[in-house]
Amino acid sequence: MATLHHPHYILNFSSTNHCSPFPSHSSSSLTNRSISYKYKLPATGNRMTRSSSSDQAFDVIVVGAGIIGLTVARQFLMDSDLSVAIVDKGVPCSGATGAGQGYLWMTHKTPGTATWDLSMRSHQLWTMMAEDLQQQGLDPMVELGWKKTGSLLVGRTFAESDTLKGRVKQLSEAGLKAEYLCSRDLSKREPDLLVDKDTAAAFLPDDCQLDAHRTVTYLEKANRNFASKGRYAEFYDDPVKCFIRSDGNGVEAVQTSKNTLYSKKAVIVAAGCWTGSLMQDLFRNWGMEFQVPVRPRKVCLYTT
């Protein structure tokens, strides 16, 4: 996710496969990283009327209507009085969000790494959302497809199993509920799993899973409650073509195939694994090279 806010930039690396349904959970080597840049933007007008082809103004423009983009929009709408527009070349769940598994797992995360604090905070925020729904008398399973599944990281050799003991100790010291399961305990918990004498597992009972399609539907519904107040609009099937520069060399507006959307506060690019190529294309129109180390990666995930 890249946040444009000039003239300085801040680099924040975050795991994209944790806080939404992104492909891998089996190895930290498969963790994708996203980068965030911040720029100060000029003020513009405040015309909120939506049309099929027009100039419109919002406080915040979010590029990308996946689970992250919609969640970012939700937080602005709930925690401020800012107006938000969300833009996508397709529709929600047409990209990585719709293809992912929705795992909210900490088993494969390592305390002390660059992504640890973000991953912990992400896990906490999703858990808080589920708890808030319960307090409202709603069922998180119905609204989000929320399930506390727990997670297992399995070692097949003596060396792998011994490494898992250290991981369980590390995760426990970091404040997570983590258990080491020897081959006997693992067989009792997962009787259908092929287990031999060297097999063991790290088990985190509080890890969860959500359904991306249900969650996106809930987020859209919640966001649209602010549309009648003139604070929210969706521009789907409307690809971003370029950024429009201000006189101060900031980002003044987002030009899509159908609209020119002016931003008073910030433009947030939340295009997931396509953020890198999208940012490259958008800044190339300015005659600038802008490298963001994020790219799509295809991963095969086997579940039992």
C-alpha atoms as a PDB file:
ATOM      1  CA  MET A   1       0.000   0.000   0.000  1.00  0.00           C
ATOM      2  CA  ALA A   2       1.482   3.353  -0.962  1.00  0.00           C
ATOM      3  CA  THR A   3       0.299   6.606   0.578  1.00  0.00           C
ATOM      4  CA  LEU A   4       1.215   9.695  -1.405  1.00  0.00           C
ATOM      5  CA  HIS A   5       1.937  12.644   0.845  1.00  0.00           C
ATOM      6  CA  HIS A   6       4.901  14.952  -0.183  1.00  0.00           C
ATOM      7  CA  PRO A   7       7.684  16.313   0.230  1.00  0.00           C
ATOM      8  CA  HIS A   8       9.190  13.627   2.466  1.00  0.00           C
ATOM      9  CA  TYR A   9       8.740   9.896   2.259  1.00  0.00           C
ATOM     10  CA  ILE A  10       8.588   7.217   4.909  1.00  0.00           C
ATOM     11  CA  LEU A  11       9.191   3.549   4.162  1.00  0.00           C
ATOM     12  CA  ASN A  12       7.023   1.032   5.994  1.00  0.00           C
ATOM     13  CA  PHE A  13       7.214  -2.647   5.109  1.00  0.00           C
ATOM     14  CA  SER A  14       4.143  -4.751   5.816  1.00  0.00           C
ATOM     15  CA  SER A  15       3.117  -8.300   5.051  1.00  0.00           C
ATOM     16  CA  THR A  16       0.333  -8.464   2.515  1.00  0.00           C
ATOM     17  CA  ASN A  17      -0.429 -12.129   3.014  1.00  0.00           C
ATOM     18  CA  HIS A  18      -1.451 -11.759   6.644  1.00  0.00           C
ATOM     19  CA  CYS A  19      -4.121  -9.149   7.035  1.00  0.00           C
ATOM     20  CA  SER A  20      -6.148 -10.271   4.073  1.00  0.00           C
ATOM     21  CA  PRO A  21      -6.608 -13.504   2.141  1.00  0.00           C
ATOM     22  CA  PHE A  22      -3.269 -13.622   0.388  1.00  0.00           C
ATOM     23  CA  PRO A  23      -1.645 -16.779  -0.823  1.00  0.00           C
ATOM     24  CA  SER A  24       0.890 -18.247   1.564  1.00  0.00           C
ATOM     25  CA  HIS A  25       1.039 -19.124   5.229  1.00  0.00           C
ATOM     26  CA  SER A  26       3.517 -21.948   5.246  1.00  0.00           C
ATOM     27  CA  SER A  27       6.832 -20.076   5.115  1.00  0.00           C
ATOM     28  CA  SER A  28       8.112 -16.630   5.948  1.00  0.00           C
ATOM     29  CA  SER A  29      10.108 -16.776   2.694  1.00  0.00           C
ATOM     30  CA  LEU A  30       6.832 -16.436   0.813  1.00  0.00           C
ATOM     31  CA  THR A  31       5.889 -13.199   2.567  1.00  0.00           C
ATOM     32  CA  ASN A  32       5.199 -10.379   0.108  1.00  0.00           C
ATOM     33  CA  ARG A  33       6.174  -6.883   1.181  1.00  0.00           C
ATOM     34  CA  SER A  34       4.522  -3.577   0.504  1.00  0.00           C
ATOM     35  CA  ILE A  35       5.977  -0.121   0.815  1.00  0.00           C
ATOM     36  CA  SER A  36       4.393   3.127   1.898  1.00  0.00           C
ATOM     37  CA  TYR A  37       5.465   6.607   0.727  1.00  0.00           C
ATOM     38  CA  LYS A  38       3.903   9.780   2.129  1.00  0.00           C
ATOM     39  CA  TYR A  39       3.517  13.155   0.401  1.00  0.00           C
ATOM     40  CA  LYS A  40       1.803  16.428   1.327  1.00  0.00           C
ATOM     41  CA  LEU A  41      -1.047  17.339  -1.002  1.00  0.00           C
ATOM     42  CA  PRO A  42      -2.596  20.696  -1.922  1.00  0.00           C
ATOM     43  CA  ALA A  43      -6.140  21.668  -0.976  1.00  0.00           C
ATOM     44  CA  THR A  44      -8.814  21.676  -3.674  1.00  0.00           C
ATOM     45  CA  GLY A  45     -12.542  22.274  -3.930  1.00  0.00           C
ATOM     46  CA  ASN A  46     -15.218  20.150  -2.318  1.00  0.00           C
ATOM     47  CA  ARG A  47     -17.719  19.125  -4.958  1.00  0.00           C
ATOM     48  CA  MET A  48     -19.166  15.712  -4.057  1.00  0.00           C
ATOM     49  CA  THR A  49     -21.715  15.150  -6.827  1.00  0.00           C
ATOM     50  CA  ARG A  50     -21.070  11.901  -8.612  1.00  0.00           C
ATOM     51  CA  SER A  51     -21.580  11.436 -12.349  1.00  0.00           C
ATOM     52  CA  SER A  52     -20.448   9.098 -15.093  1.00  0.00           C
ATOM     53  CA  SER A  53     -17.777  11.537 -16.322  1.00  0.00           C
ATOM     54  CA  SER A  54     -16.871  14.553 -14.198  1.00  0.00           C
ATOM     55  CA  ASP A  55     -14.433  16.408 -11.985  1.00  0.00           C
ATOM     56  CA  GLN A  56     -15.079  15.618  -8.337  1.00  0.00           C
ATOM     57  CA  ALA A  57     -13.280  16.249  -5.052  1.00  0.00           C
ATOM     58  CA  PHE A  58     -12.726  14.121  -1.950  1.00  0.00           C
ATOM     59  CA  ASP A  59     -10.491  14.348   1.073  1.00  0.00           C
ATOM     60  CA  VAL A  60      -9.010  10.896   0.505  1.00  0.00           C
ATOM     61  CA  ILE A  61      -8.875   8.770  -2.646  1.00  0.00           C
ATOM     62  CA  VAL A  62      -8.140   5.059  -2.228  1.00  0.00           C
ATOM     63  CA  VAL A  63      -6.931   3.216  -5.331  1.00  0.00           C
ATOM     64  CA  GLY A  64      -7.814  -0.457  -4.975  1.00  0.00           C
ATOM     65  CA  ALA A  65     -11.091  -1.943  -3.740  1.00  0.00           C
ATOM     66  CA  GLY A  66      -9.741  -5.147  -2.284  1.00  0.00           C
ATOM     67  CA  ILE A  67     -10.092  -6.042   1.364  1.00  0.00           C
ATOM     68  CA  ILE A  68      -7.304  -3.614   2.339  1.00  0.00           C
ATOM     69  CA  GLY A  69      -8.592  -0.661   0.314  1.00  0.00           C
ATOM     70  CA  LEU A  70     -12.131  -1.087   1.634  1.00  0.00           C
ATOM     71  CA  THR A  71     -10.849  -1.423   5.199  1.00  0.00           C
ATOM     72  CA  VAL A  72      -8.735   1.728   4.865  1.00  0.00           C
ATOM     73  CA  ALA A  73     -11.819   3.573   3.597  1.00  0.00           C
ATOM     74  CA  ARG A  74     -13.859   2.221   6.510  1.00  0.00           C
ATOM     75  CA  GLN A  75     -11.369   3.496   9.081  1.00  0.00           C
ATOM     76  CA  PHE A  76     -11.355   7.007   7.604  1.00  0.00           C
ATOM     77  CA  LEU A  77     -15.149   7.057   7.504  1.00  0.00           C
ATOM     78  CA  MET A  78     -15.566   5.803  11.056  1.00  0.00           C
ATOM     79  CA  ASP A  79     -12.734   7.666  12.772  1.00  0.00           C
ATOM     80  CA  SER A  80     -12.881  11.056  11.045  1.00  0.00           C
ATOM     81  CA  ASP A  81     -15.200  13.382   9.146  1.00  0.00           C
ATOM     82  CA  LEU A  82     -13.217  13.003   5.915  1.00  0.00           C
ATOM     83  CA  SER A  83     -14.824  12.136   2.598  1.00  0.00           C
ATOM     84  CA  VAL A  84     -13.481   9.068   0.778  1.00  0.00           C
ATOM     85  CA  ALA A  85     -13.607   7.831  -2.808  1.00  0.00           C
ATOM     86  CA  ILE A  86     -12.544   4.297  -3.668  1.00  0.00           C
ATOM     87  CA  VAL A  87     -11.408   3.485  -7.204  1.00  0.00           C
ATOM     88  CA  ASP A  88     -10.788   0.128  -8.856  1.00  0.00           C
ATOM     89  CA  LYS A  89     -10.155  -1.116 -12.379  1.00  0.00           C
ATOM     90  CA  GLY A  90     -12.646  -3.923 -11.701  1.00  0.00           C
ATOM     91  CA  VAL A  91     -14.888  -4.810  -8.791  1.00  0.00           C
ATOM     92  CA  PRO A  92     -14.094  -6.069  -5.272  1.00  0.00           C
ATOM     93  CA  CYS A  93     -12.898  -9.681  -5.078  1.00  0.00           C
ATOM     94  CA  SER A  94     -11.835  -9.696  -8.724  1.00  0.00           C
ATOM     95  CA  GLY A  95      -8.146  -9.792  -7.751  1.00  0.00           C
ATOM     96  CA  ALA A  96      -6.027 -11.331  -4.976  1.00  0.00           C
ATOM     97  CA  THR A  97      -8.703 -10.751  -2.331  1.00  0.00           C
ATOM     98  CA  GLY A  98     -11.180 -13.002  -4.103  1.00  0.00           C
ATOM     99  CA  ALA A  99      -8.599 -15.710  -4.768  1.00  0.00           C
ATOM    100  CA  GLY A 100      -7.092 -15.831  -1.287  1.00  0.00           C
ATOM    101  CA  GLN A 101      -7.765 -18.108   1.648  1.00  0.00           C
ATOM    102  CA  GLY A 102      -8.441 -15.451   4.293  1.00  0.00           C
ATOM    103  CA  TYR A 103      -5.968 -16.808   6.832  1.00  0.00           C
ATOM    104  CA  LEU A 104      -5.141 -14.619   9.823  1.00  0.00           C
ATOM    105  CA  TRP A 105      -2.263 -16.739  11.051  1.00  0.00           C
ATOM    106  CA  MET A 106       0.720 -15.865  13.208  1.00  0.00           C
ATOM    107  CA  THR A 107       2.378 -19.291  13.146  1.00  0.00           C
ATOM    108  CA  HIS A 108       4.785 -18.359  10.368  1.00  0.00           C
ATOM    109  CA  LYS A 109       5.556 -14.864  11.700  1.00  0.00           C
ATOM    110  CA  THR A 110       8.812 -14.132  13.520  1.00  0.00           C
ATOM    111  CA  PRO A 111       8.993 -11.712  16.469  1.00  0.00           C
ATOM    112  CA  GLY A 112      11.430  -8.870  15.952  1.00  0.00           C
ATOM    113  CA  THR A 113      11.197  -8.808  12.155  1.00  0.00           C
ATOM    114  CA  ALA A 114      10.133  -5.746  10.169  1.00  0.00           C
ATOM    115  CA  THR A 115       6.591  -7.072   9.730  1.00  0.00           C
ATOM    116  CA  TRP A 116       5.959  -8.417  13.220  1.00  0.00           C
ATOM    117  CA  ASP A 117       4.309  -5.369  14.808  1.00  0.00           C
ATOM    118  CA  LEU A 118       2.112  -4.798  11.757  1.00  0.00           C
ATOM    119  CA  SER A 119       1.070  -8.447  11.705  1.00  0.00           C
ATOM    120  CA  MET A 120       0.224  -8.424  15.408  1.00  0.00           C
ATOM    121  CA  ARG A 121      -1.786  -5.221  15.025  1.00  0.00           C
ATOM    122  CA  SER A 122      -3.601  -6.607  11.998  1.00  0.00           C
ATOM    123  CA  HIS A 123      -4.554  -9.777  13.869  1.00  0.00           C
ATOM    124  CA  GLN A 124      -5.785  -7.704  16.813  1.00  0.00           C
ATOM    125  CA  LEU A 125      -7.876  -5.376  14.630  1.00  0.00           C
ATOM    126  CA  TRP A 126      -9.638  -8.222  12.817  1.00  0.00           C
ATOM    127  CA  THR A 127     -10.333  -9.934  16.149  1.00  0.00           C
ATOM    128  CA  MET A 128     -11.717  -6.650  17.505  1.00  0.00           C
ATOM    129  CA  MET A 129     -14.025  -6.332  14.488  1.00  0.00           C
ATOM    130  CA  ALA A 130     -15.402  -9.827  15.113  1.00  0.00           C
ATOM    131  CA  GLU A 131     -15.923  -9.024  18.794  1.00  0.00           C
ATOM    132  CA  ASP A 132     -17.642  -5.722  17.943  1.00  0.00           C
ATOM    133  CA  LEU A 133     -20.065  -7.563  15.674  1.00  0.00           C
ATOM    134  CA  GLN A 134     -20.919  -9.942  18.512  1.00  0.00           C
ATOM    135  CA  GLN A 135     -21.571  -6.993  20.820  1.00  0.00           C
ATOM    136  CA  GLN A 136     -23.963  -5.600  18.197  1.00  0.00           C
ATOM    137  CA  GLY A 137     -25.882  -8.882  18.230  1.00  0.00           C
ATOM    138  CA  LEU A 138     -24.501  -9.967  14.860  1.00  0.00           C
ATOM    139  CA  ASP A 139     -22.829 -13.266  14.016  1.00  0.00           C
ATOM    140  CA  PRO A 140     -19.220 -12.827  12.780  1.00  0.00           C
ATOM    141  CA  MET A 141     -19.520 -16.156  10.982  1.00  0.00           C
ATOM    142  CA  VAL A 142     -22.464 -14.842   8.954  1.00  0.00           C
ATOM    143  CA  GLU A 143     -21.045 -11.360   8.363  1.00  0.00           C
ATOM    144  CA  LEU A 144     -17.362 -12.187   7.822  1.00  0.00           C
ATOM    145  CA  GLY A 145     -17.179 -15.960   7.501  1.00  0.00           C
ATOM    146  CA  TRP A 146     -15.156 -15.698  10.714  1.00  0.00           C
ATOM    147  CA  LYS A 147     -13.805 -18.909  12.238  1.00  0.00           C
ATOM    148  CA  LYS A 148     -11.245 -19.459  14.971  1.00  0.00           C
ATOM    149  CA  THR A 149      -9.566 -22.386  13.256  1.00  0.00           C
ATOM    150  CA  GLY A 150      -6.190 -22.319  14.932  1.00  0.00           C
ATOM    151  CA  SER A 151      -3.089 -23.005  12.852  1.00  0.00           C
ATOM    152  CA  LEU A 152      -0.468 -25.727  12.634  1.00  0.00           C
ATOM    153  CA  LEU A 153       3.089 -25.453  11.387  1.00  0.00           C
ATOM    154  CA  VAL A 154       4.272 -29.039  10.888  1.00  0.00           C
ATOM    155  CA  GLY A 155       7.834 -30.338  10.965  1.00  0.00           C
ATOM    156  CA  ARG A 156       8.543 -33.668   9.274  1.00  0.00           C
ATOM    157  CA  THR A 157      12.153 -34.268  10.309  1.00  0.00           C
ATOM    158  CA  PHE A 158      13.865 -34.278  13.688  1.00  0.00           C
ATOM    159  CA  ALA A 159      15.677 -31.031  12.793  1.00  0.00           C
ATOM    160  CA  GLU A 160      12.447 -29.293  11.712  1.00  0.00           C
ATOM    161  CA  SER A 161      10.620 -30.443  14.823  1.00  0.00           C
ATOM    162  CA  ASP A 162      13.459 -29.246  17.030  1.00  0.00           C
ATOM    163  CA  THR A 163      13.296 -25.835  15.293  1.00  0.00           C
ATOM    164  CA  LEU A 164       9.574 -25.667  16.035  1.00  0.00           C
ATOM    165  CA  LYS A 165      10.285 -25.945  19.772  1.00  0.00           C
ATOM    166  CA  GLY A 166      12.296 -22.757  19.519  1.00  0.00           C
ATOM    167  CA  ARG A 167       9.573 -21.066  17.484  1.00  0.00           C
ATOM    168  CA  VAL A 168       6.889 -21.951  20.051  1.00  0.00           C
ATOM    169  CA  LYS A 169       9.081 -20.538  22.831  1.00  0.00           C
ATOM    170  CA  GLN A 170       9.697 -17.380  20.803  1.00  0.00           C
ATOM    171  CA  LEU A 171       6.022 -16.843  19.997  1.00  0.00           C
ATOM    172  CA  SER A 172       4.986 -17.499  23.601  1.00  0.00           C
ATOM    173  CA  GLU A 173       7.499 -14.959  24.899  1.00  0.00           C
ATOM    174  CA  ALA A 174       6.046 -12.463  22.375  1.00  0.00           C
ATOM    175  CA  GLY A 175       2.632 -12.805  23.999  1.00  0.00           C
ATOM    176  CA  LEU A 176       0.897 -15.375  21.799  1.00  0.00           C
ATOM    177  CA  LYS A 177      -0.760 -18.577  22.944  1.00  0.00           C
ATOM    178  CA  ALA A 178       1.441 -21.258  21.324  1.00  0.00           C
ATOM    179  CA  GLU A 179       1.805 -24.990  21.953  1.00  0.00           C
ATOM    180  CA  TYR A 180       4.364 -27.563  20.848  1.00  0.00           C
ATOM    181  CA  LEU A 181       2.725 -30.820  19.777  1.00  0.00           C
ATOM    182  CA  CYS A 182       4.874 -33.933  19.721  1.00  0.00           C
ATOM    183  CA  SER A 183       3.970 -36.745  17.318  1.00  0.00           C
ATOM    184  CA  ARG A 184       1.621 -38.371  19.833  1.00  0.00           C
ATOM    185  CA  ASP A 185      -0.225 -35.131  20.635  1.00  0.00           C
ATOM    186  CA  LEU A 186      -0.386 -34.184  16.965  1.00  0.00           C
ATOM    187  CA  SER A 187      -1.956 -37.548  16.098  1.00  0.00           C
ATOM    188  CA  LYS A 188      -4.625 -37.013  18.742  1.00  0.00           C
ATOM    189  CA  ARG A 189      -5.450 -33.525  17.458  1.00  0.00           C
ATOM    190  CA  GLU A 190      -5.286 -34.387  13.738  1.00  0.00           C
ATOM    191  CA  PRO A 191      -5.949 -38.124  13.405  1.00  0.00           C
ATOM    192  CA  ASP A 192      -6.123 -37.943   9.604  1.00  0.00           C
ATOM    193  CA  LEU A 193      -2.639 -36.437   9.328  1.00  0.00           C
ATOM    194  CA  LEU A 194       0.211 -38.786   8.404  1.00  0.00           C
ATOM    195  CA  VAL A 195       2.516 -38.679  11.430  1.00  0.00           C
ATOM    196  CA  ASP A 196       5.718 -40.581  12.183  1.00  0.00           C
ATOM    197  CA  LYS A 197       8.024 -40.506  15.192  1.00  0.00           C
ATOM    198  CA  ASP A 198       9.881 -37.353  14.052  1.00  0.00           C
ATOM    199  CA  THR A 199       6.775 -35.346  13.141  1.00  0.00           C
ATOM    200  CA  ALA A 200       5.768 -32.441  15.389  1.00  0.00           C
ATOM    201  CA  ALA A 201       3.928 -29.155  15.094  1.00  0.00           C
ATOM    202  CA  ALA A 202       3.591 -25.627  16.438  1.00  0.00           C
ATOM    203  CA  PHE A 203      -0.067 -24.962  17.256  1.00  0.00           C
ATOM    204  CA  LEU A 204      -1.611 -21.503  17.707  1.00  0.00           C
ATOM    205  CA  PRO A 205      -5.235 -21.969  18.848  1.00  0.00           C
ATOM    206  CA  ASP A 206      -6.199 -18.299  18.459  1.00  0.00           C
ATOM    207  CA  ASP A 207      -5.404 -18.009  14.745  1.00  0.00           C
ATOM    208  CA  CYS A 208      -8.428 -17.372  12.560  1.00  0.00           C
ATOM    209  CA  GLN A 209      -9.829 -17.388   9.059  1.00  0.00           C
ATOM    210  CA  LEU A 210     -12.365 -15.176   7.331  1.00  0.00           C
ATOM    211  CA  ASP A 211     -14.247 -15.414   4.053  1.00  0.00           C
ATOM    212  CA  ALA A 212     -13.099 -12.662   1.696  1.00  0.00           C
ATOM    213  CA  HIS A 213     -16.374 -12.379  -0.223  1.00  0.00           C
ATOM    214  CA  ARG A 214     -18.495 -12.102   2.916  1.00  0.00           C
ATOM    215  CA  THR A 215     -16.074  -9.644   4.491  1.00  0.00           C
ATOM    216  CA  VAL A 216     -15.990  -7.423   1.398  1.00  0.00           C
ATOM    217  CA  THR A 217     -19.792  -7.432   1.274  1.00  0.00           C
ATOM    218  CA  TYR A 218     -19.898  -6.337   4.920  1.00  0.00           C
ATOM    219  CA  LEU A 219     -17.286  -3.605   4.393  1.00  0.00           C
ATOM    220  CA  GLU A 220     -19.085  -2.234   1.327  1.00  0.00           C
ATOM    221  CA  LYS A 221     -22.380  -2.151   3.172  1.00  0.00           C
ATOM    222  CA  ALA A 222     -20.807  -0.336   6.124  1.00  0.00           C
ATOM    223  CA  ASN A 223     -19.041   2.174   3.884  1.00  0.00           C
ATOM    224  CA  ARG A 224     -22.151   2.912   1.846  1.00  0.00           C
ATOM    225  CA  ASN A 225     -23.922   4.109   4.975  1.00  0.00           C
ATOM    226  CA  PHE A 226     -21.827   7.265   4.599  1.00  0.00           C
ATOM    227  CA  ALA A 227     -22.776   7.863   0.958  1.00  0.00           C
ATOM    228  CA  SER A 228     -26.011   9.659   1.871  1.00  0.00           C
ATOM    229  CA  LYS A 229     -23.925  12.094   3.935  1.00  0.00           C
ATOM    230  CA  GLY A 230     -21.809  12.929   0.898  1.00  0.00           C
ATOM    231  CA  ARG A 231     -18.749  11.276   2.384  1.00  0.00           C
ATOM    232  CA  TYR A 232     -18.334   8.136   0.299  1.00  0.00           C
ATOM    233  CA  ALA A 233     -18.386   7.127  -3.350  1.00  0.00           C
ATOM    234  CA  GLU A 234     -17.293   4.064  -5.332  1.00  0.00           C
ATOM    235  CA  PHE A 235     -15.798   4.157  -8.818  1.00  0.00           C
ATOM    236  CA  TYR A 236     -15.631   0.552  -9.992  1.00  0.00           C
ATOM    237  CA  ASP A 237     -14.653  -0.624 -13.484  1.00  0.00           C
ATOM    238  CA  ASP A 238     -12.810   2.691 -13.778  1.00  0.00           C
ATOM    239  CA  PRO A 239      -9.034   2.123 -14.177  1.00  0.00           C
ATOM    240  CA  VAL A 240      -6.606   4.797 -13.035  1.00  0.00           C
ATOM    241  CA  LYS A 241      -4.795   6.302 -16.020  1.00  0.00           C
ATOM    242  CA  CYS A 242      -2.452   8.789 -14.356  1.00  0.00           C
ATOM    243  CA  PHE A 243      -1.813  11.119 -11.453  1.00  0.00           C
ATOM    244  CA  ILE A 244      -2.217  14.840 -12.081  1.00  0.00           C
ATOM    245  CA  ARG A 245       0.519  17.022 -10.609  1.00  0.00           C
ATOM    246  CA  SER A 246      -0.083  20.229  -8.704  1.00  0.00           C
ATOM    247  CA  ASP A 247       2.006  23.351  -9.100  1.00  0.00           C
ATOM    248  CA  GLY A 248       3.921  22.275  -6.013  1.00  0.00           C
ATOM    249  CA  ASN A 249       4.788  18.900  -7.603  1.00  0.00           C
ATOM    250  CA  GLY A 250       2.424  16.997  -5.329  1.00  0.00           C
ATOM    251  CA  VAL A 251      -0.427  14.765  -6.480  1.00  0.00           C
ATOM    252  CA  GLU A 252      -3.458  16.945  -7.109  1.00  0.00           C
ATOM    253  CA  ALA A 253      -5.826  14.442  -8.681  1.00  0.00           C
ATOM    254  CA  VAL A 254      -6.319  10.933  -9.962  1.00  0.00           C
ATOM    255  CA  GLN A 255      -7.321  10.636 -13.600  1.00  0.00           C
ATOM    256  CA  THR A 256      -9.377   7.530 -14.327  1.00  0.00           C
ATOM    257  CA  SER A 257     -10.889   6.371 -17.592  1.00  0.00           C
ATOM    258  CA  LYS A 258     -14.172   8.114 -16.706  1.00  0.00           C
ATOM    259  CA  ASN A 259     -13.451  10.722 -14.011  1.00  0.00           C
ATOM    260  CA  THR A 260     -10.992  13.239 -12.632  1.00  0.00           C
ATOM    261  CA  LEU A 261     -10.943  12.858  -8.848  1.00  0.00           C
ATOM    262  CA  TYR A 262      -9.288  15.675  -6.896  1.00  0.00           C
ATOM    263  CA  SER A 263      -7.792  14.972  -3.479  1.00  0.00           C
ATOM    264  CA  LYS A 264      -7.626  17.455  -0.619  1.00  0.00           C
ATOM    265  CA  LYS A 265      -5.641  15.292   1.794  1.00  0.00           C
ATOM    266  CA  ALA A 266      -4.169  12.083   0.395  1.00  0.00           C
ATOM    267  CA  VAL A 267      -4.120   9.516  -2.369  1.00  0.00           C
ATOM    268  CA  ILE A 268      -3.631   5.973  -1.051  1.00  0.00           C
ATOM    269  CA  VAL A 269      -2.600   3.220  -3.429  1.00  0.00           C
ATOM    270  CA  ALA A 270      -3.810  -0.105  -2.020  1.00  0.00           C
ATOM    271  CA  ALA A 271      -3.508  -2.248  -5.128  1.00  0.00           C
ATOM    272  CA  GLY A 272      -1.863  -5.170  -3.359  1.00  0.00           C
ATOM    273  CA  CYS A 273       0.776  -7.031  -5.328  1.00  0.00           C
ATOM    274  CA  TRP A 274       0.071  -4.824  -8.345  1.00  0.00           C
ATOM    275  CA  THR A 275       1.075  -1.670  -6.456  1.00  0.00           C
ATOM    276  CA  GLY A 276       4.635  -1.783  -7.804  1.00  0.00           C
ATOM    277  CA  SER A 277       3.757  -1.954 -11.501  1.00  0.00           C
ATOM    278  CA  LEU A 278       0.883   0.520 -11.079  1.00  0.00           C
ATOM    279  CA  MET A 279       3.084   3.101  -9.370  1.00  0.00           C
ATOM    280  CA  GLN A 280       5.754   2.658 -12.018  1.00  0.00           C
ATOM    281  CA  ASP A 281       3.245   3.284 -14.798  1.00  0.00           C
ATOM    282  CA  LEU A 282       1.679   6.295 -13.083  1.00  0.00           C
ATOM    283  CA  PHE A 283       4.982   8.017 -12.359  1.00  0.00           C
ATOM    284  CA  ARG A 284       6.364   7.220 -15.788  1.00  0.00           C
ATOM    285  CA  ASN A 285       3.824   9.719 -17.114  1.00  0.00           C
ATOM    286  CA  TRP A 286       5.784  12.361 -15.182  1.00  0.00           C
ATOM    287  CA  GLY A 287       9.076  11.283 -16.729  1.00  0.00           C
ATOM    288  CA  MET A 288      10.157   9.797 -13.382  1.00  0.00           C
ATOM    289  CA  GLU A 289      11.376   6.374 -12.329  1.00  0.00           C
ATOM    290  CA  PHE A 290       9.626   5.186  -9.155  1.00  0.00           C
ATOM    291  CA  GLN A 291      10.600   1.728  -7.968  1.00  0.00           C
ATOM    292  CA  VAL A 292       8.390  -0.033  -5.431  1.00  0.00           C
ATOM    293  CA  PRO A 293       9.662  -3.553  -4.554  1.00  0.00           C
ATOM    294  CA  VAL A 294       6.260  -5.229  -4.835  1.00  0.00           C
ATOM    295  CA  ARG A 295       5.209  -7.573  -7.612  1.00  0.00           C
ATOM    296  CA  PRO A 296       2.640 -10.330  -8.164  1.00  0.00           C
ATOM    297  CA  ARG A 297       3.651 -13.866  -7.267  1.00  0.00           C
ATOM    298  CA  LYS A 298       1.723 -17.041  -7.858  1.00  0.00           C
ATOM    299  CA  VAL A 299       1.766 -19.622  -5.052  1.00  0.00           C
ATOM    300  CA  CYS A 300       0.158 -23.057  -4.854  1.00  0.00           C
ATOM    301  CA  LEU A 301      -1.435 -23.785  -1.487  1.00  0.00           C
ATOM    302  CA  TYR A 302      -2.500 -27.282  -0.467  1.00  0.00           C
ATOM    303  CA  THR A 303      -5.124 -27.590   2.264  1.00  0.00           C
ATOM    304  CA  THR A 304      -6.515 -30.647   4.007  1.00  0.00           C
END
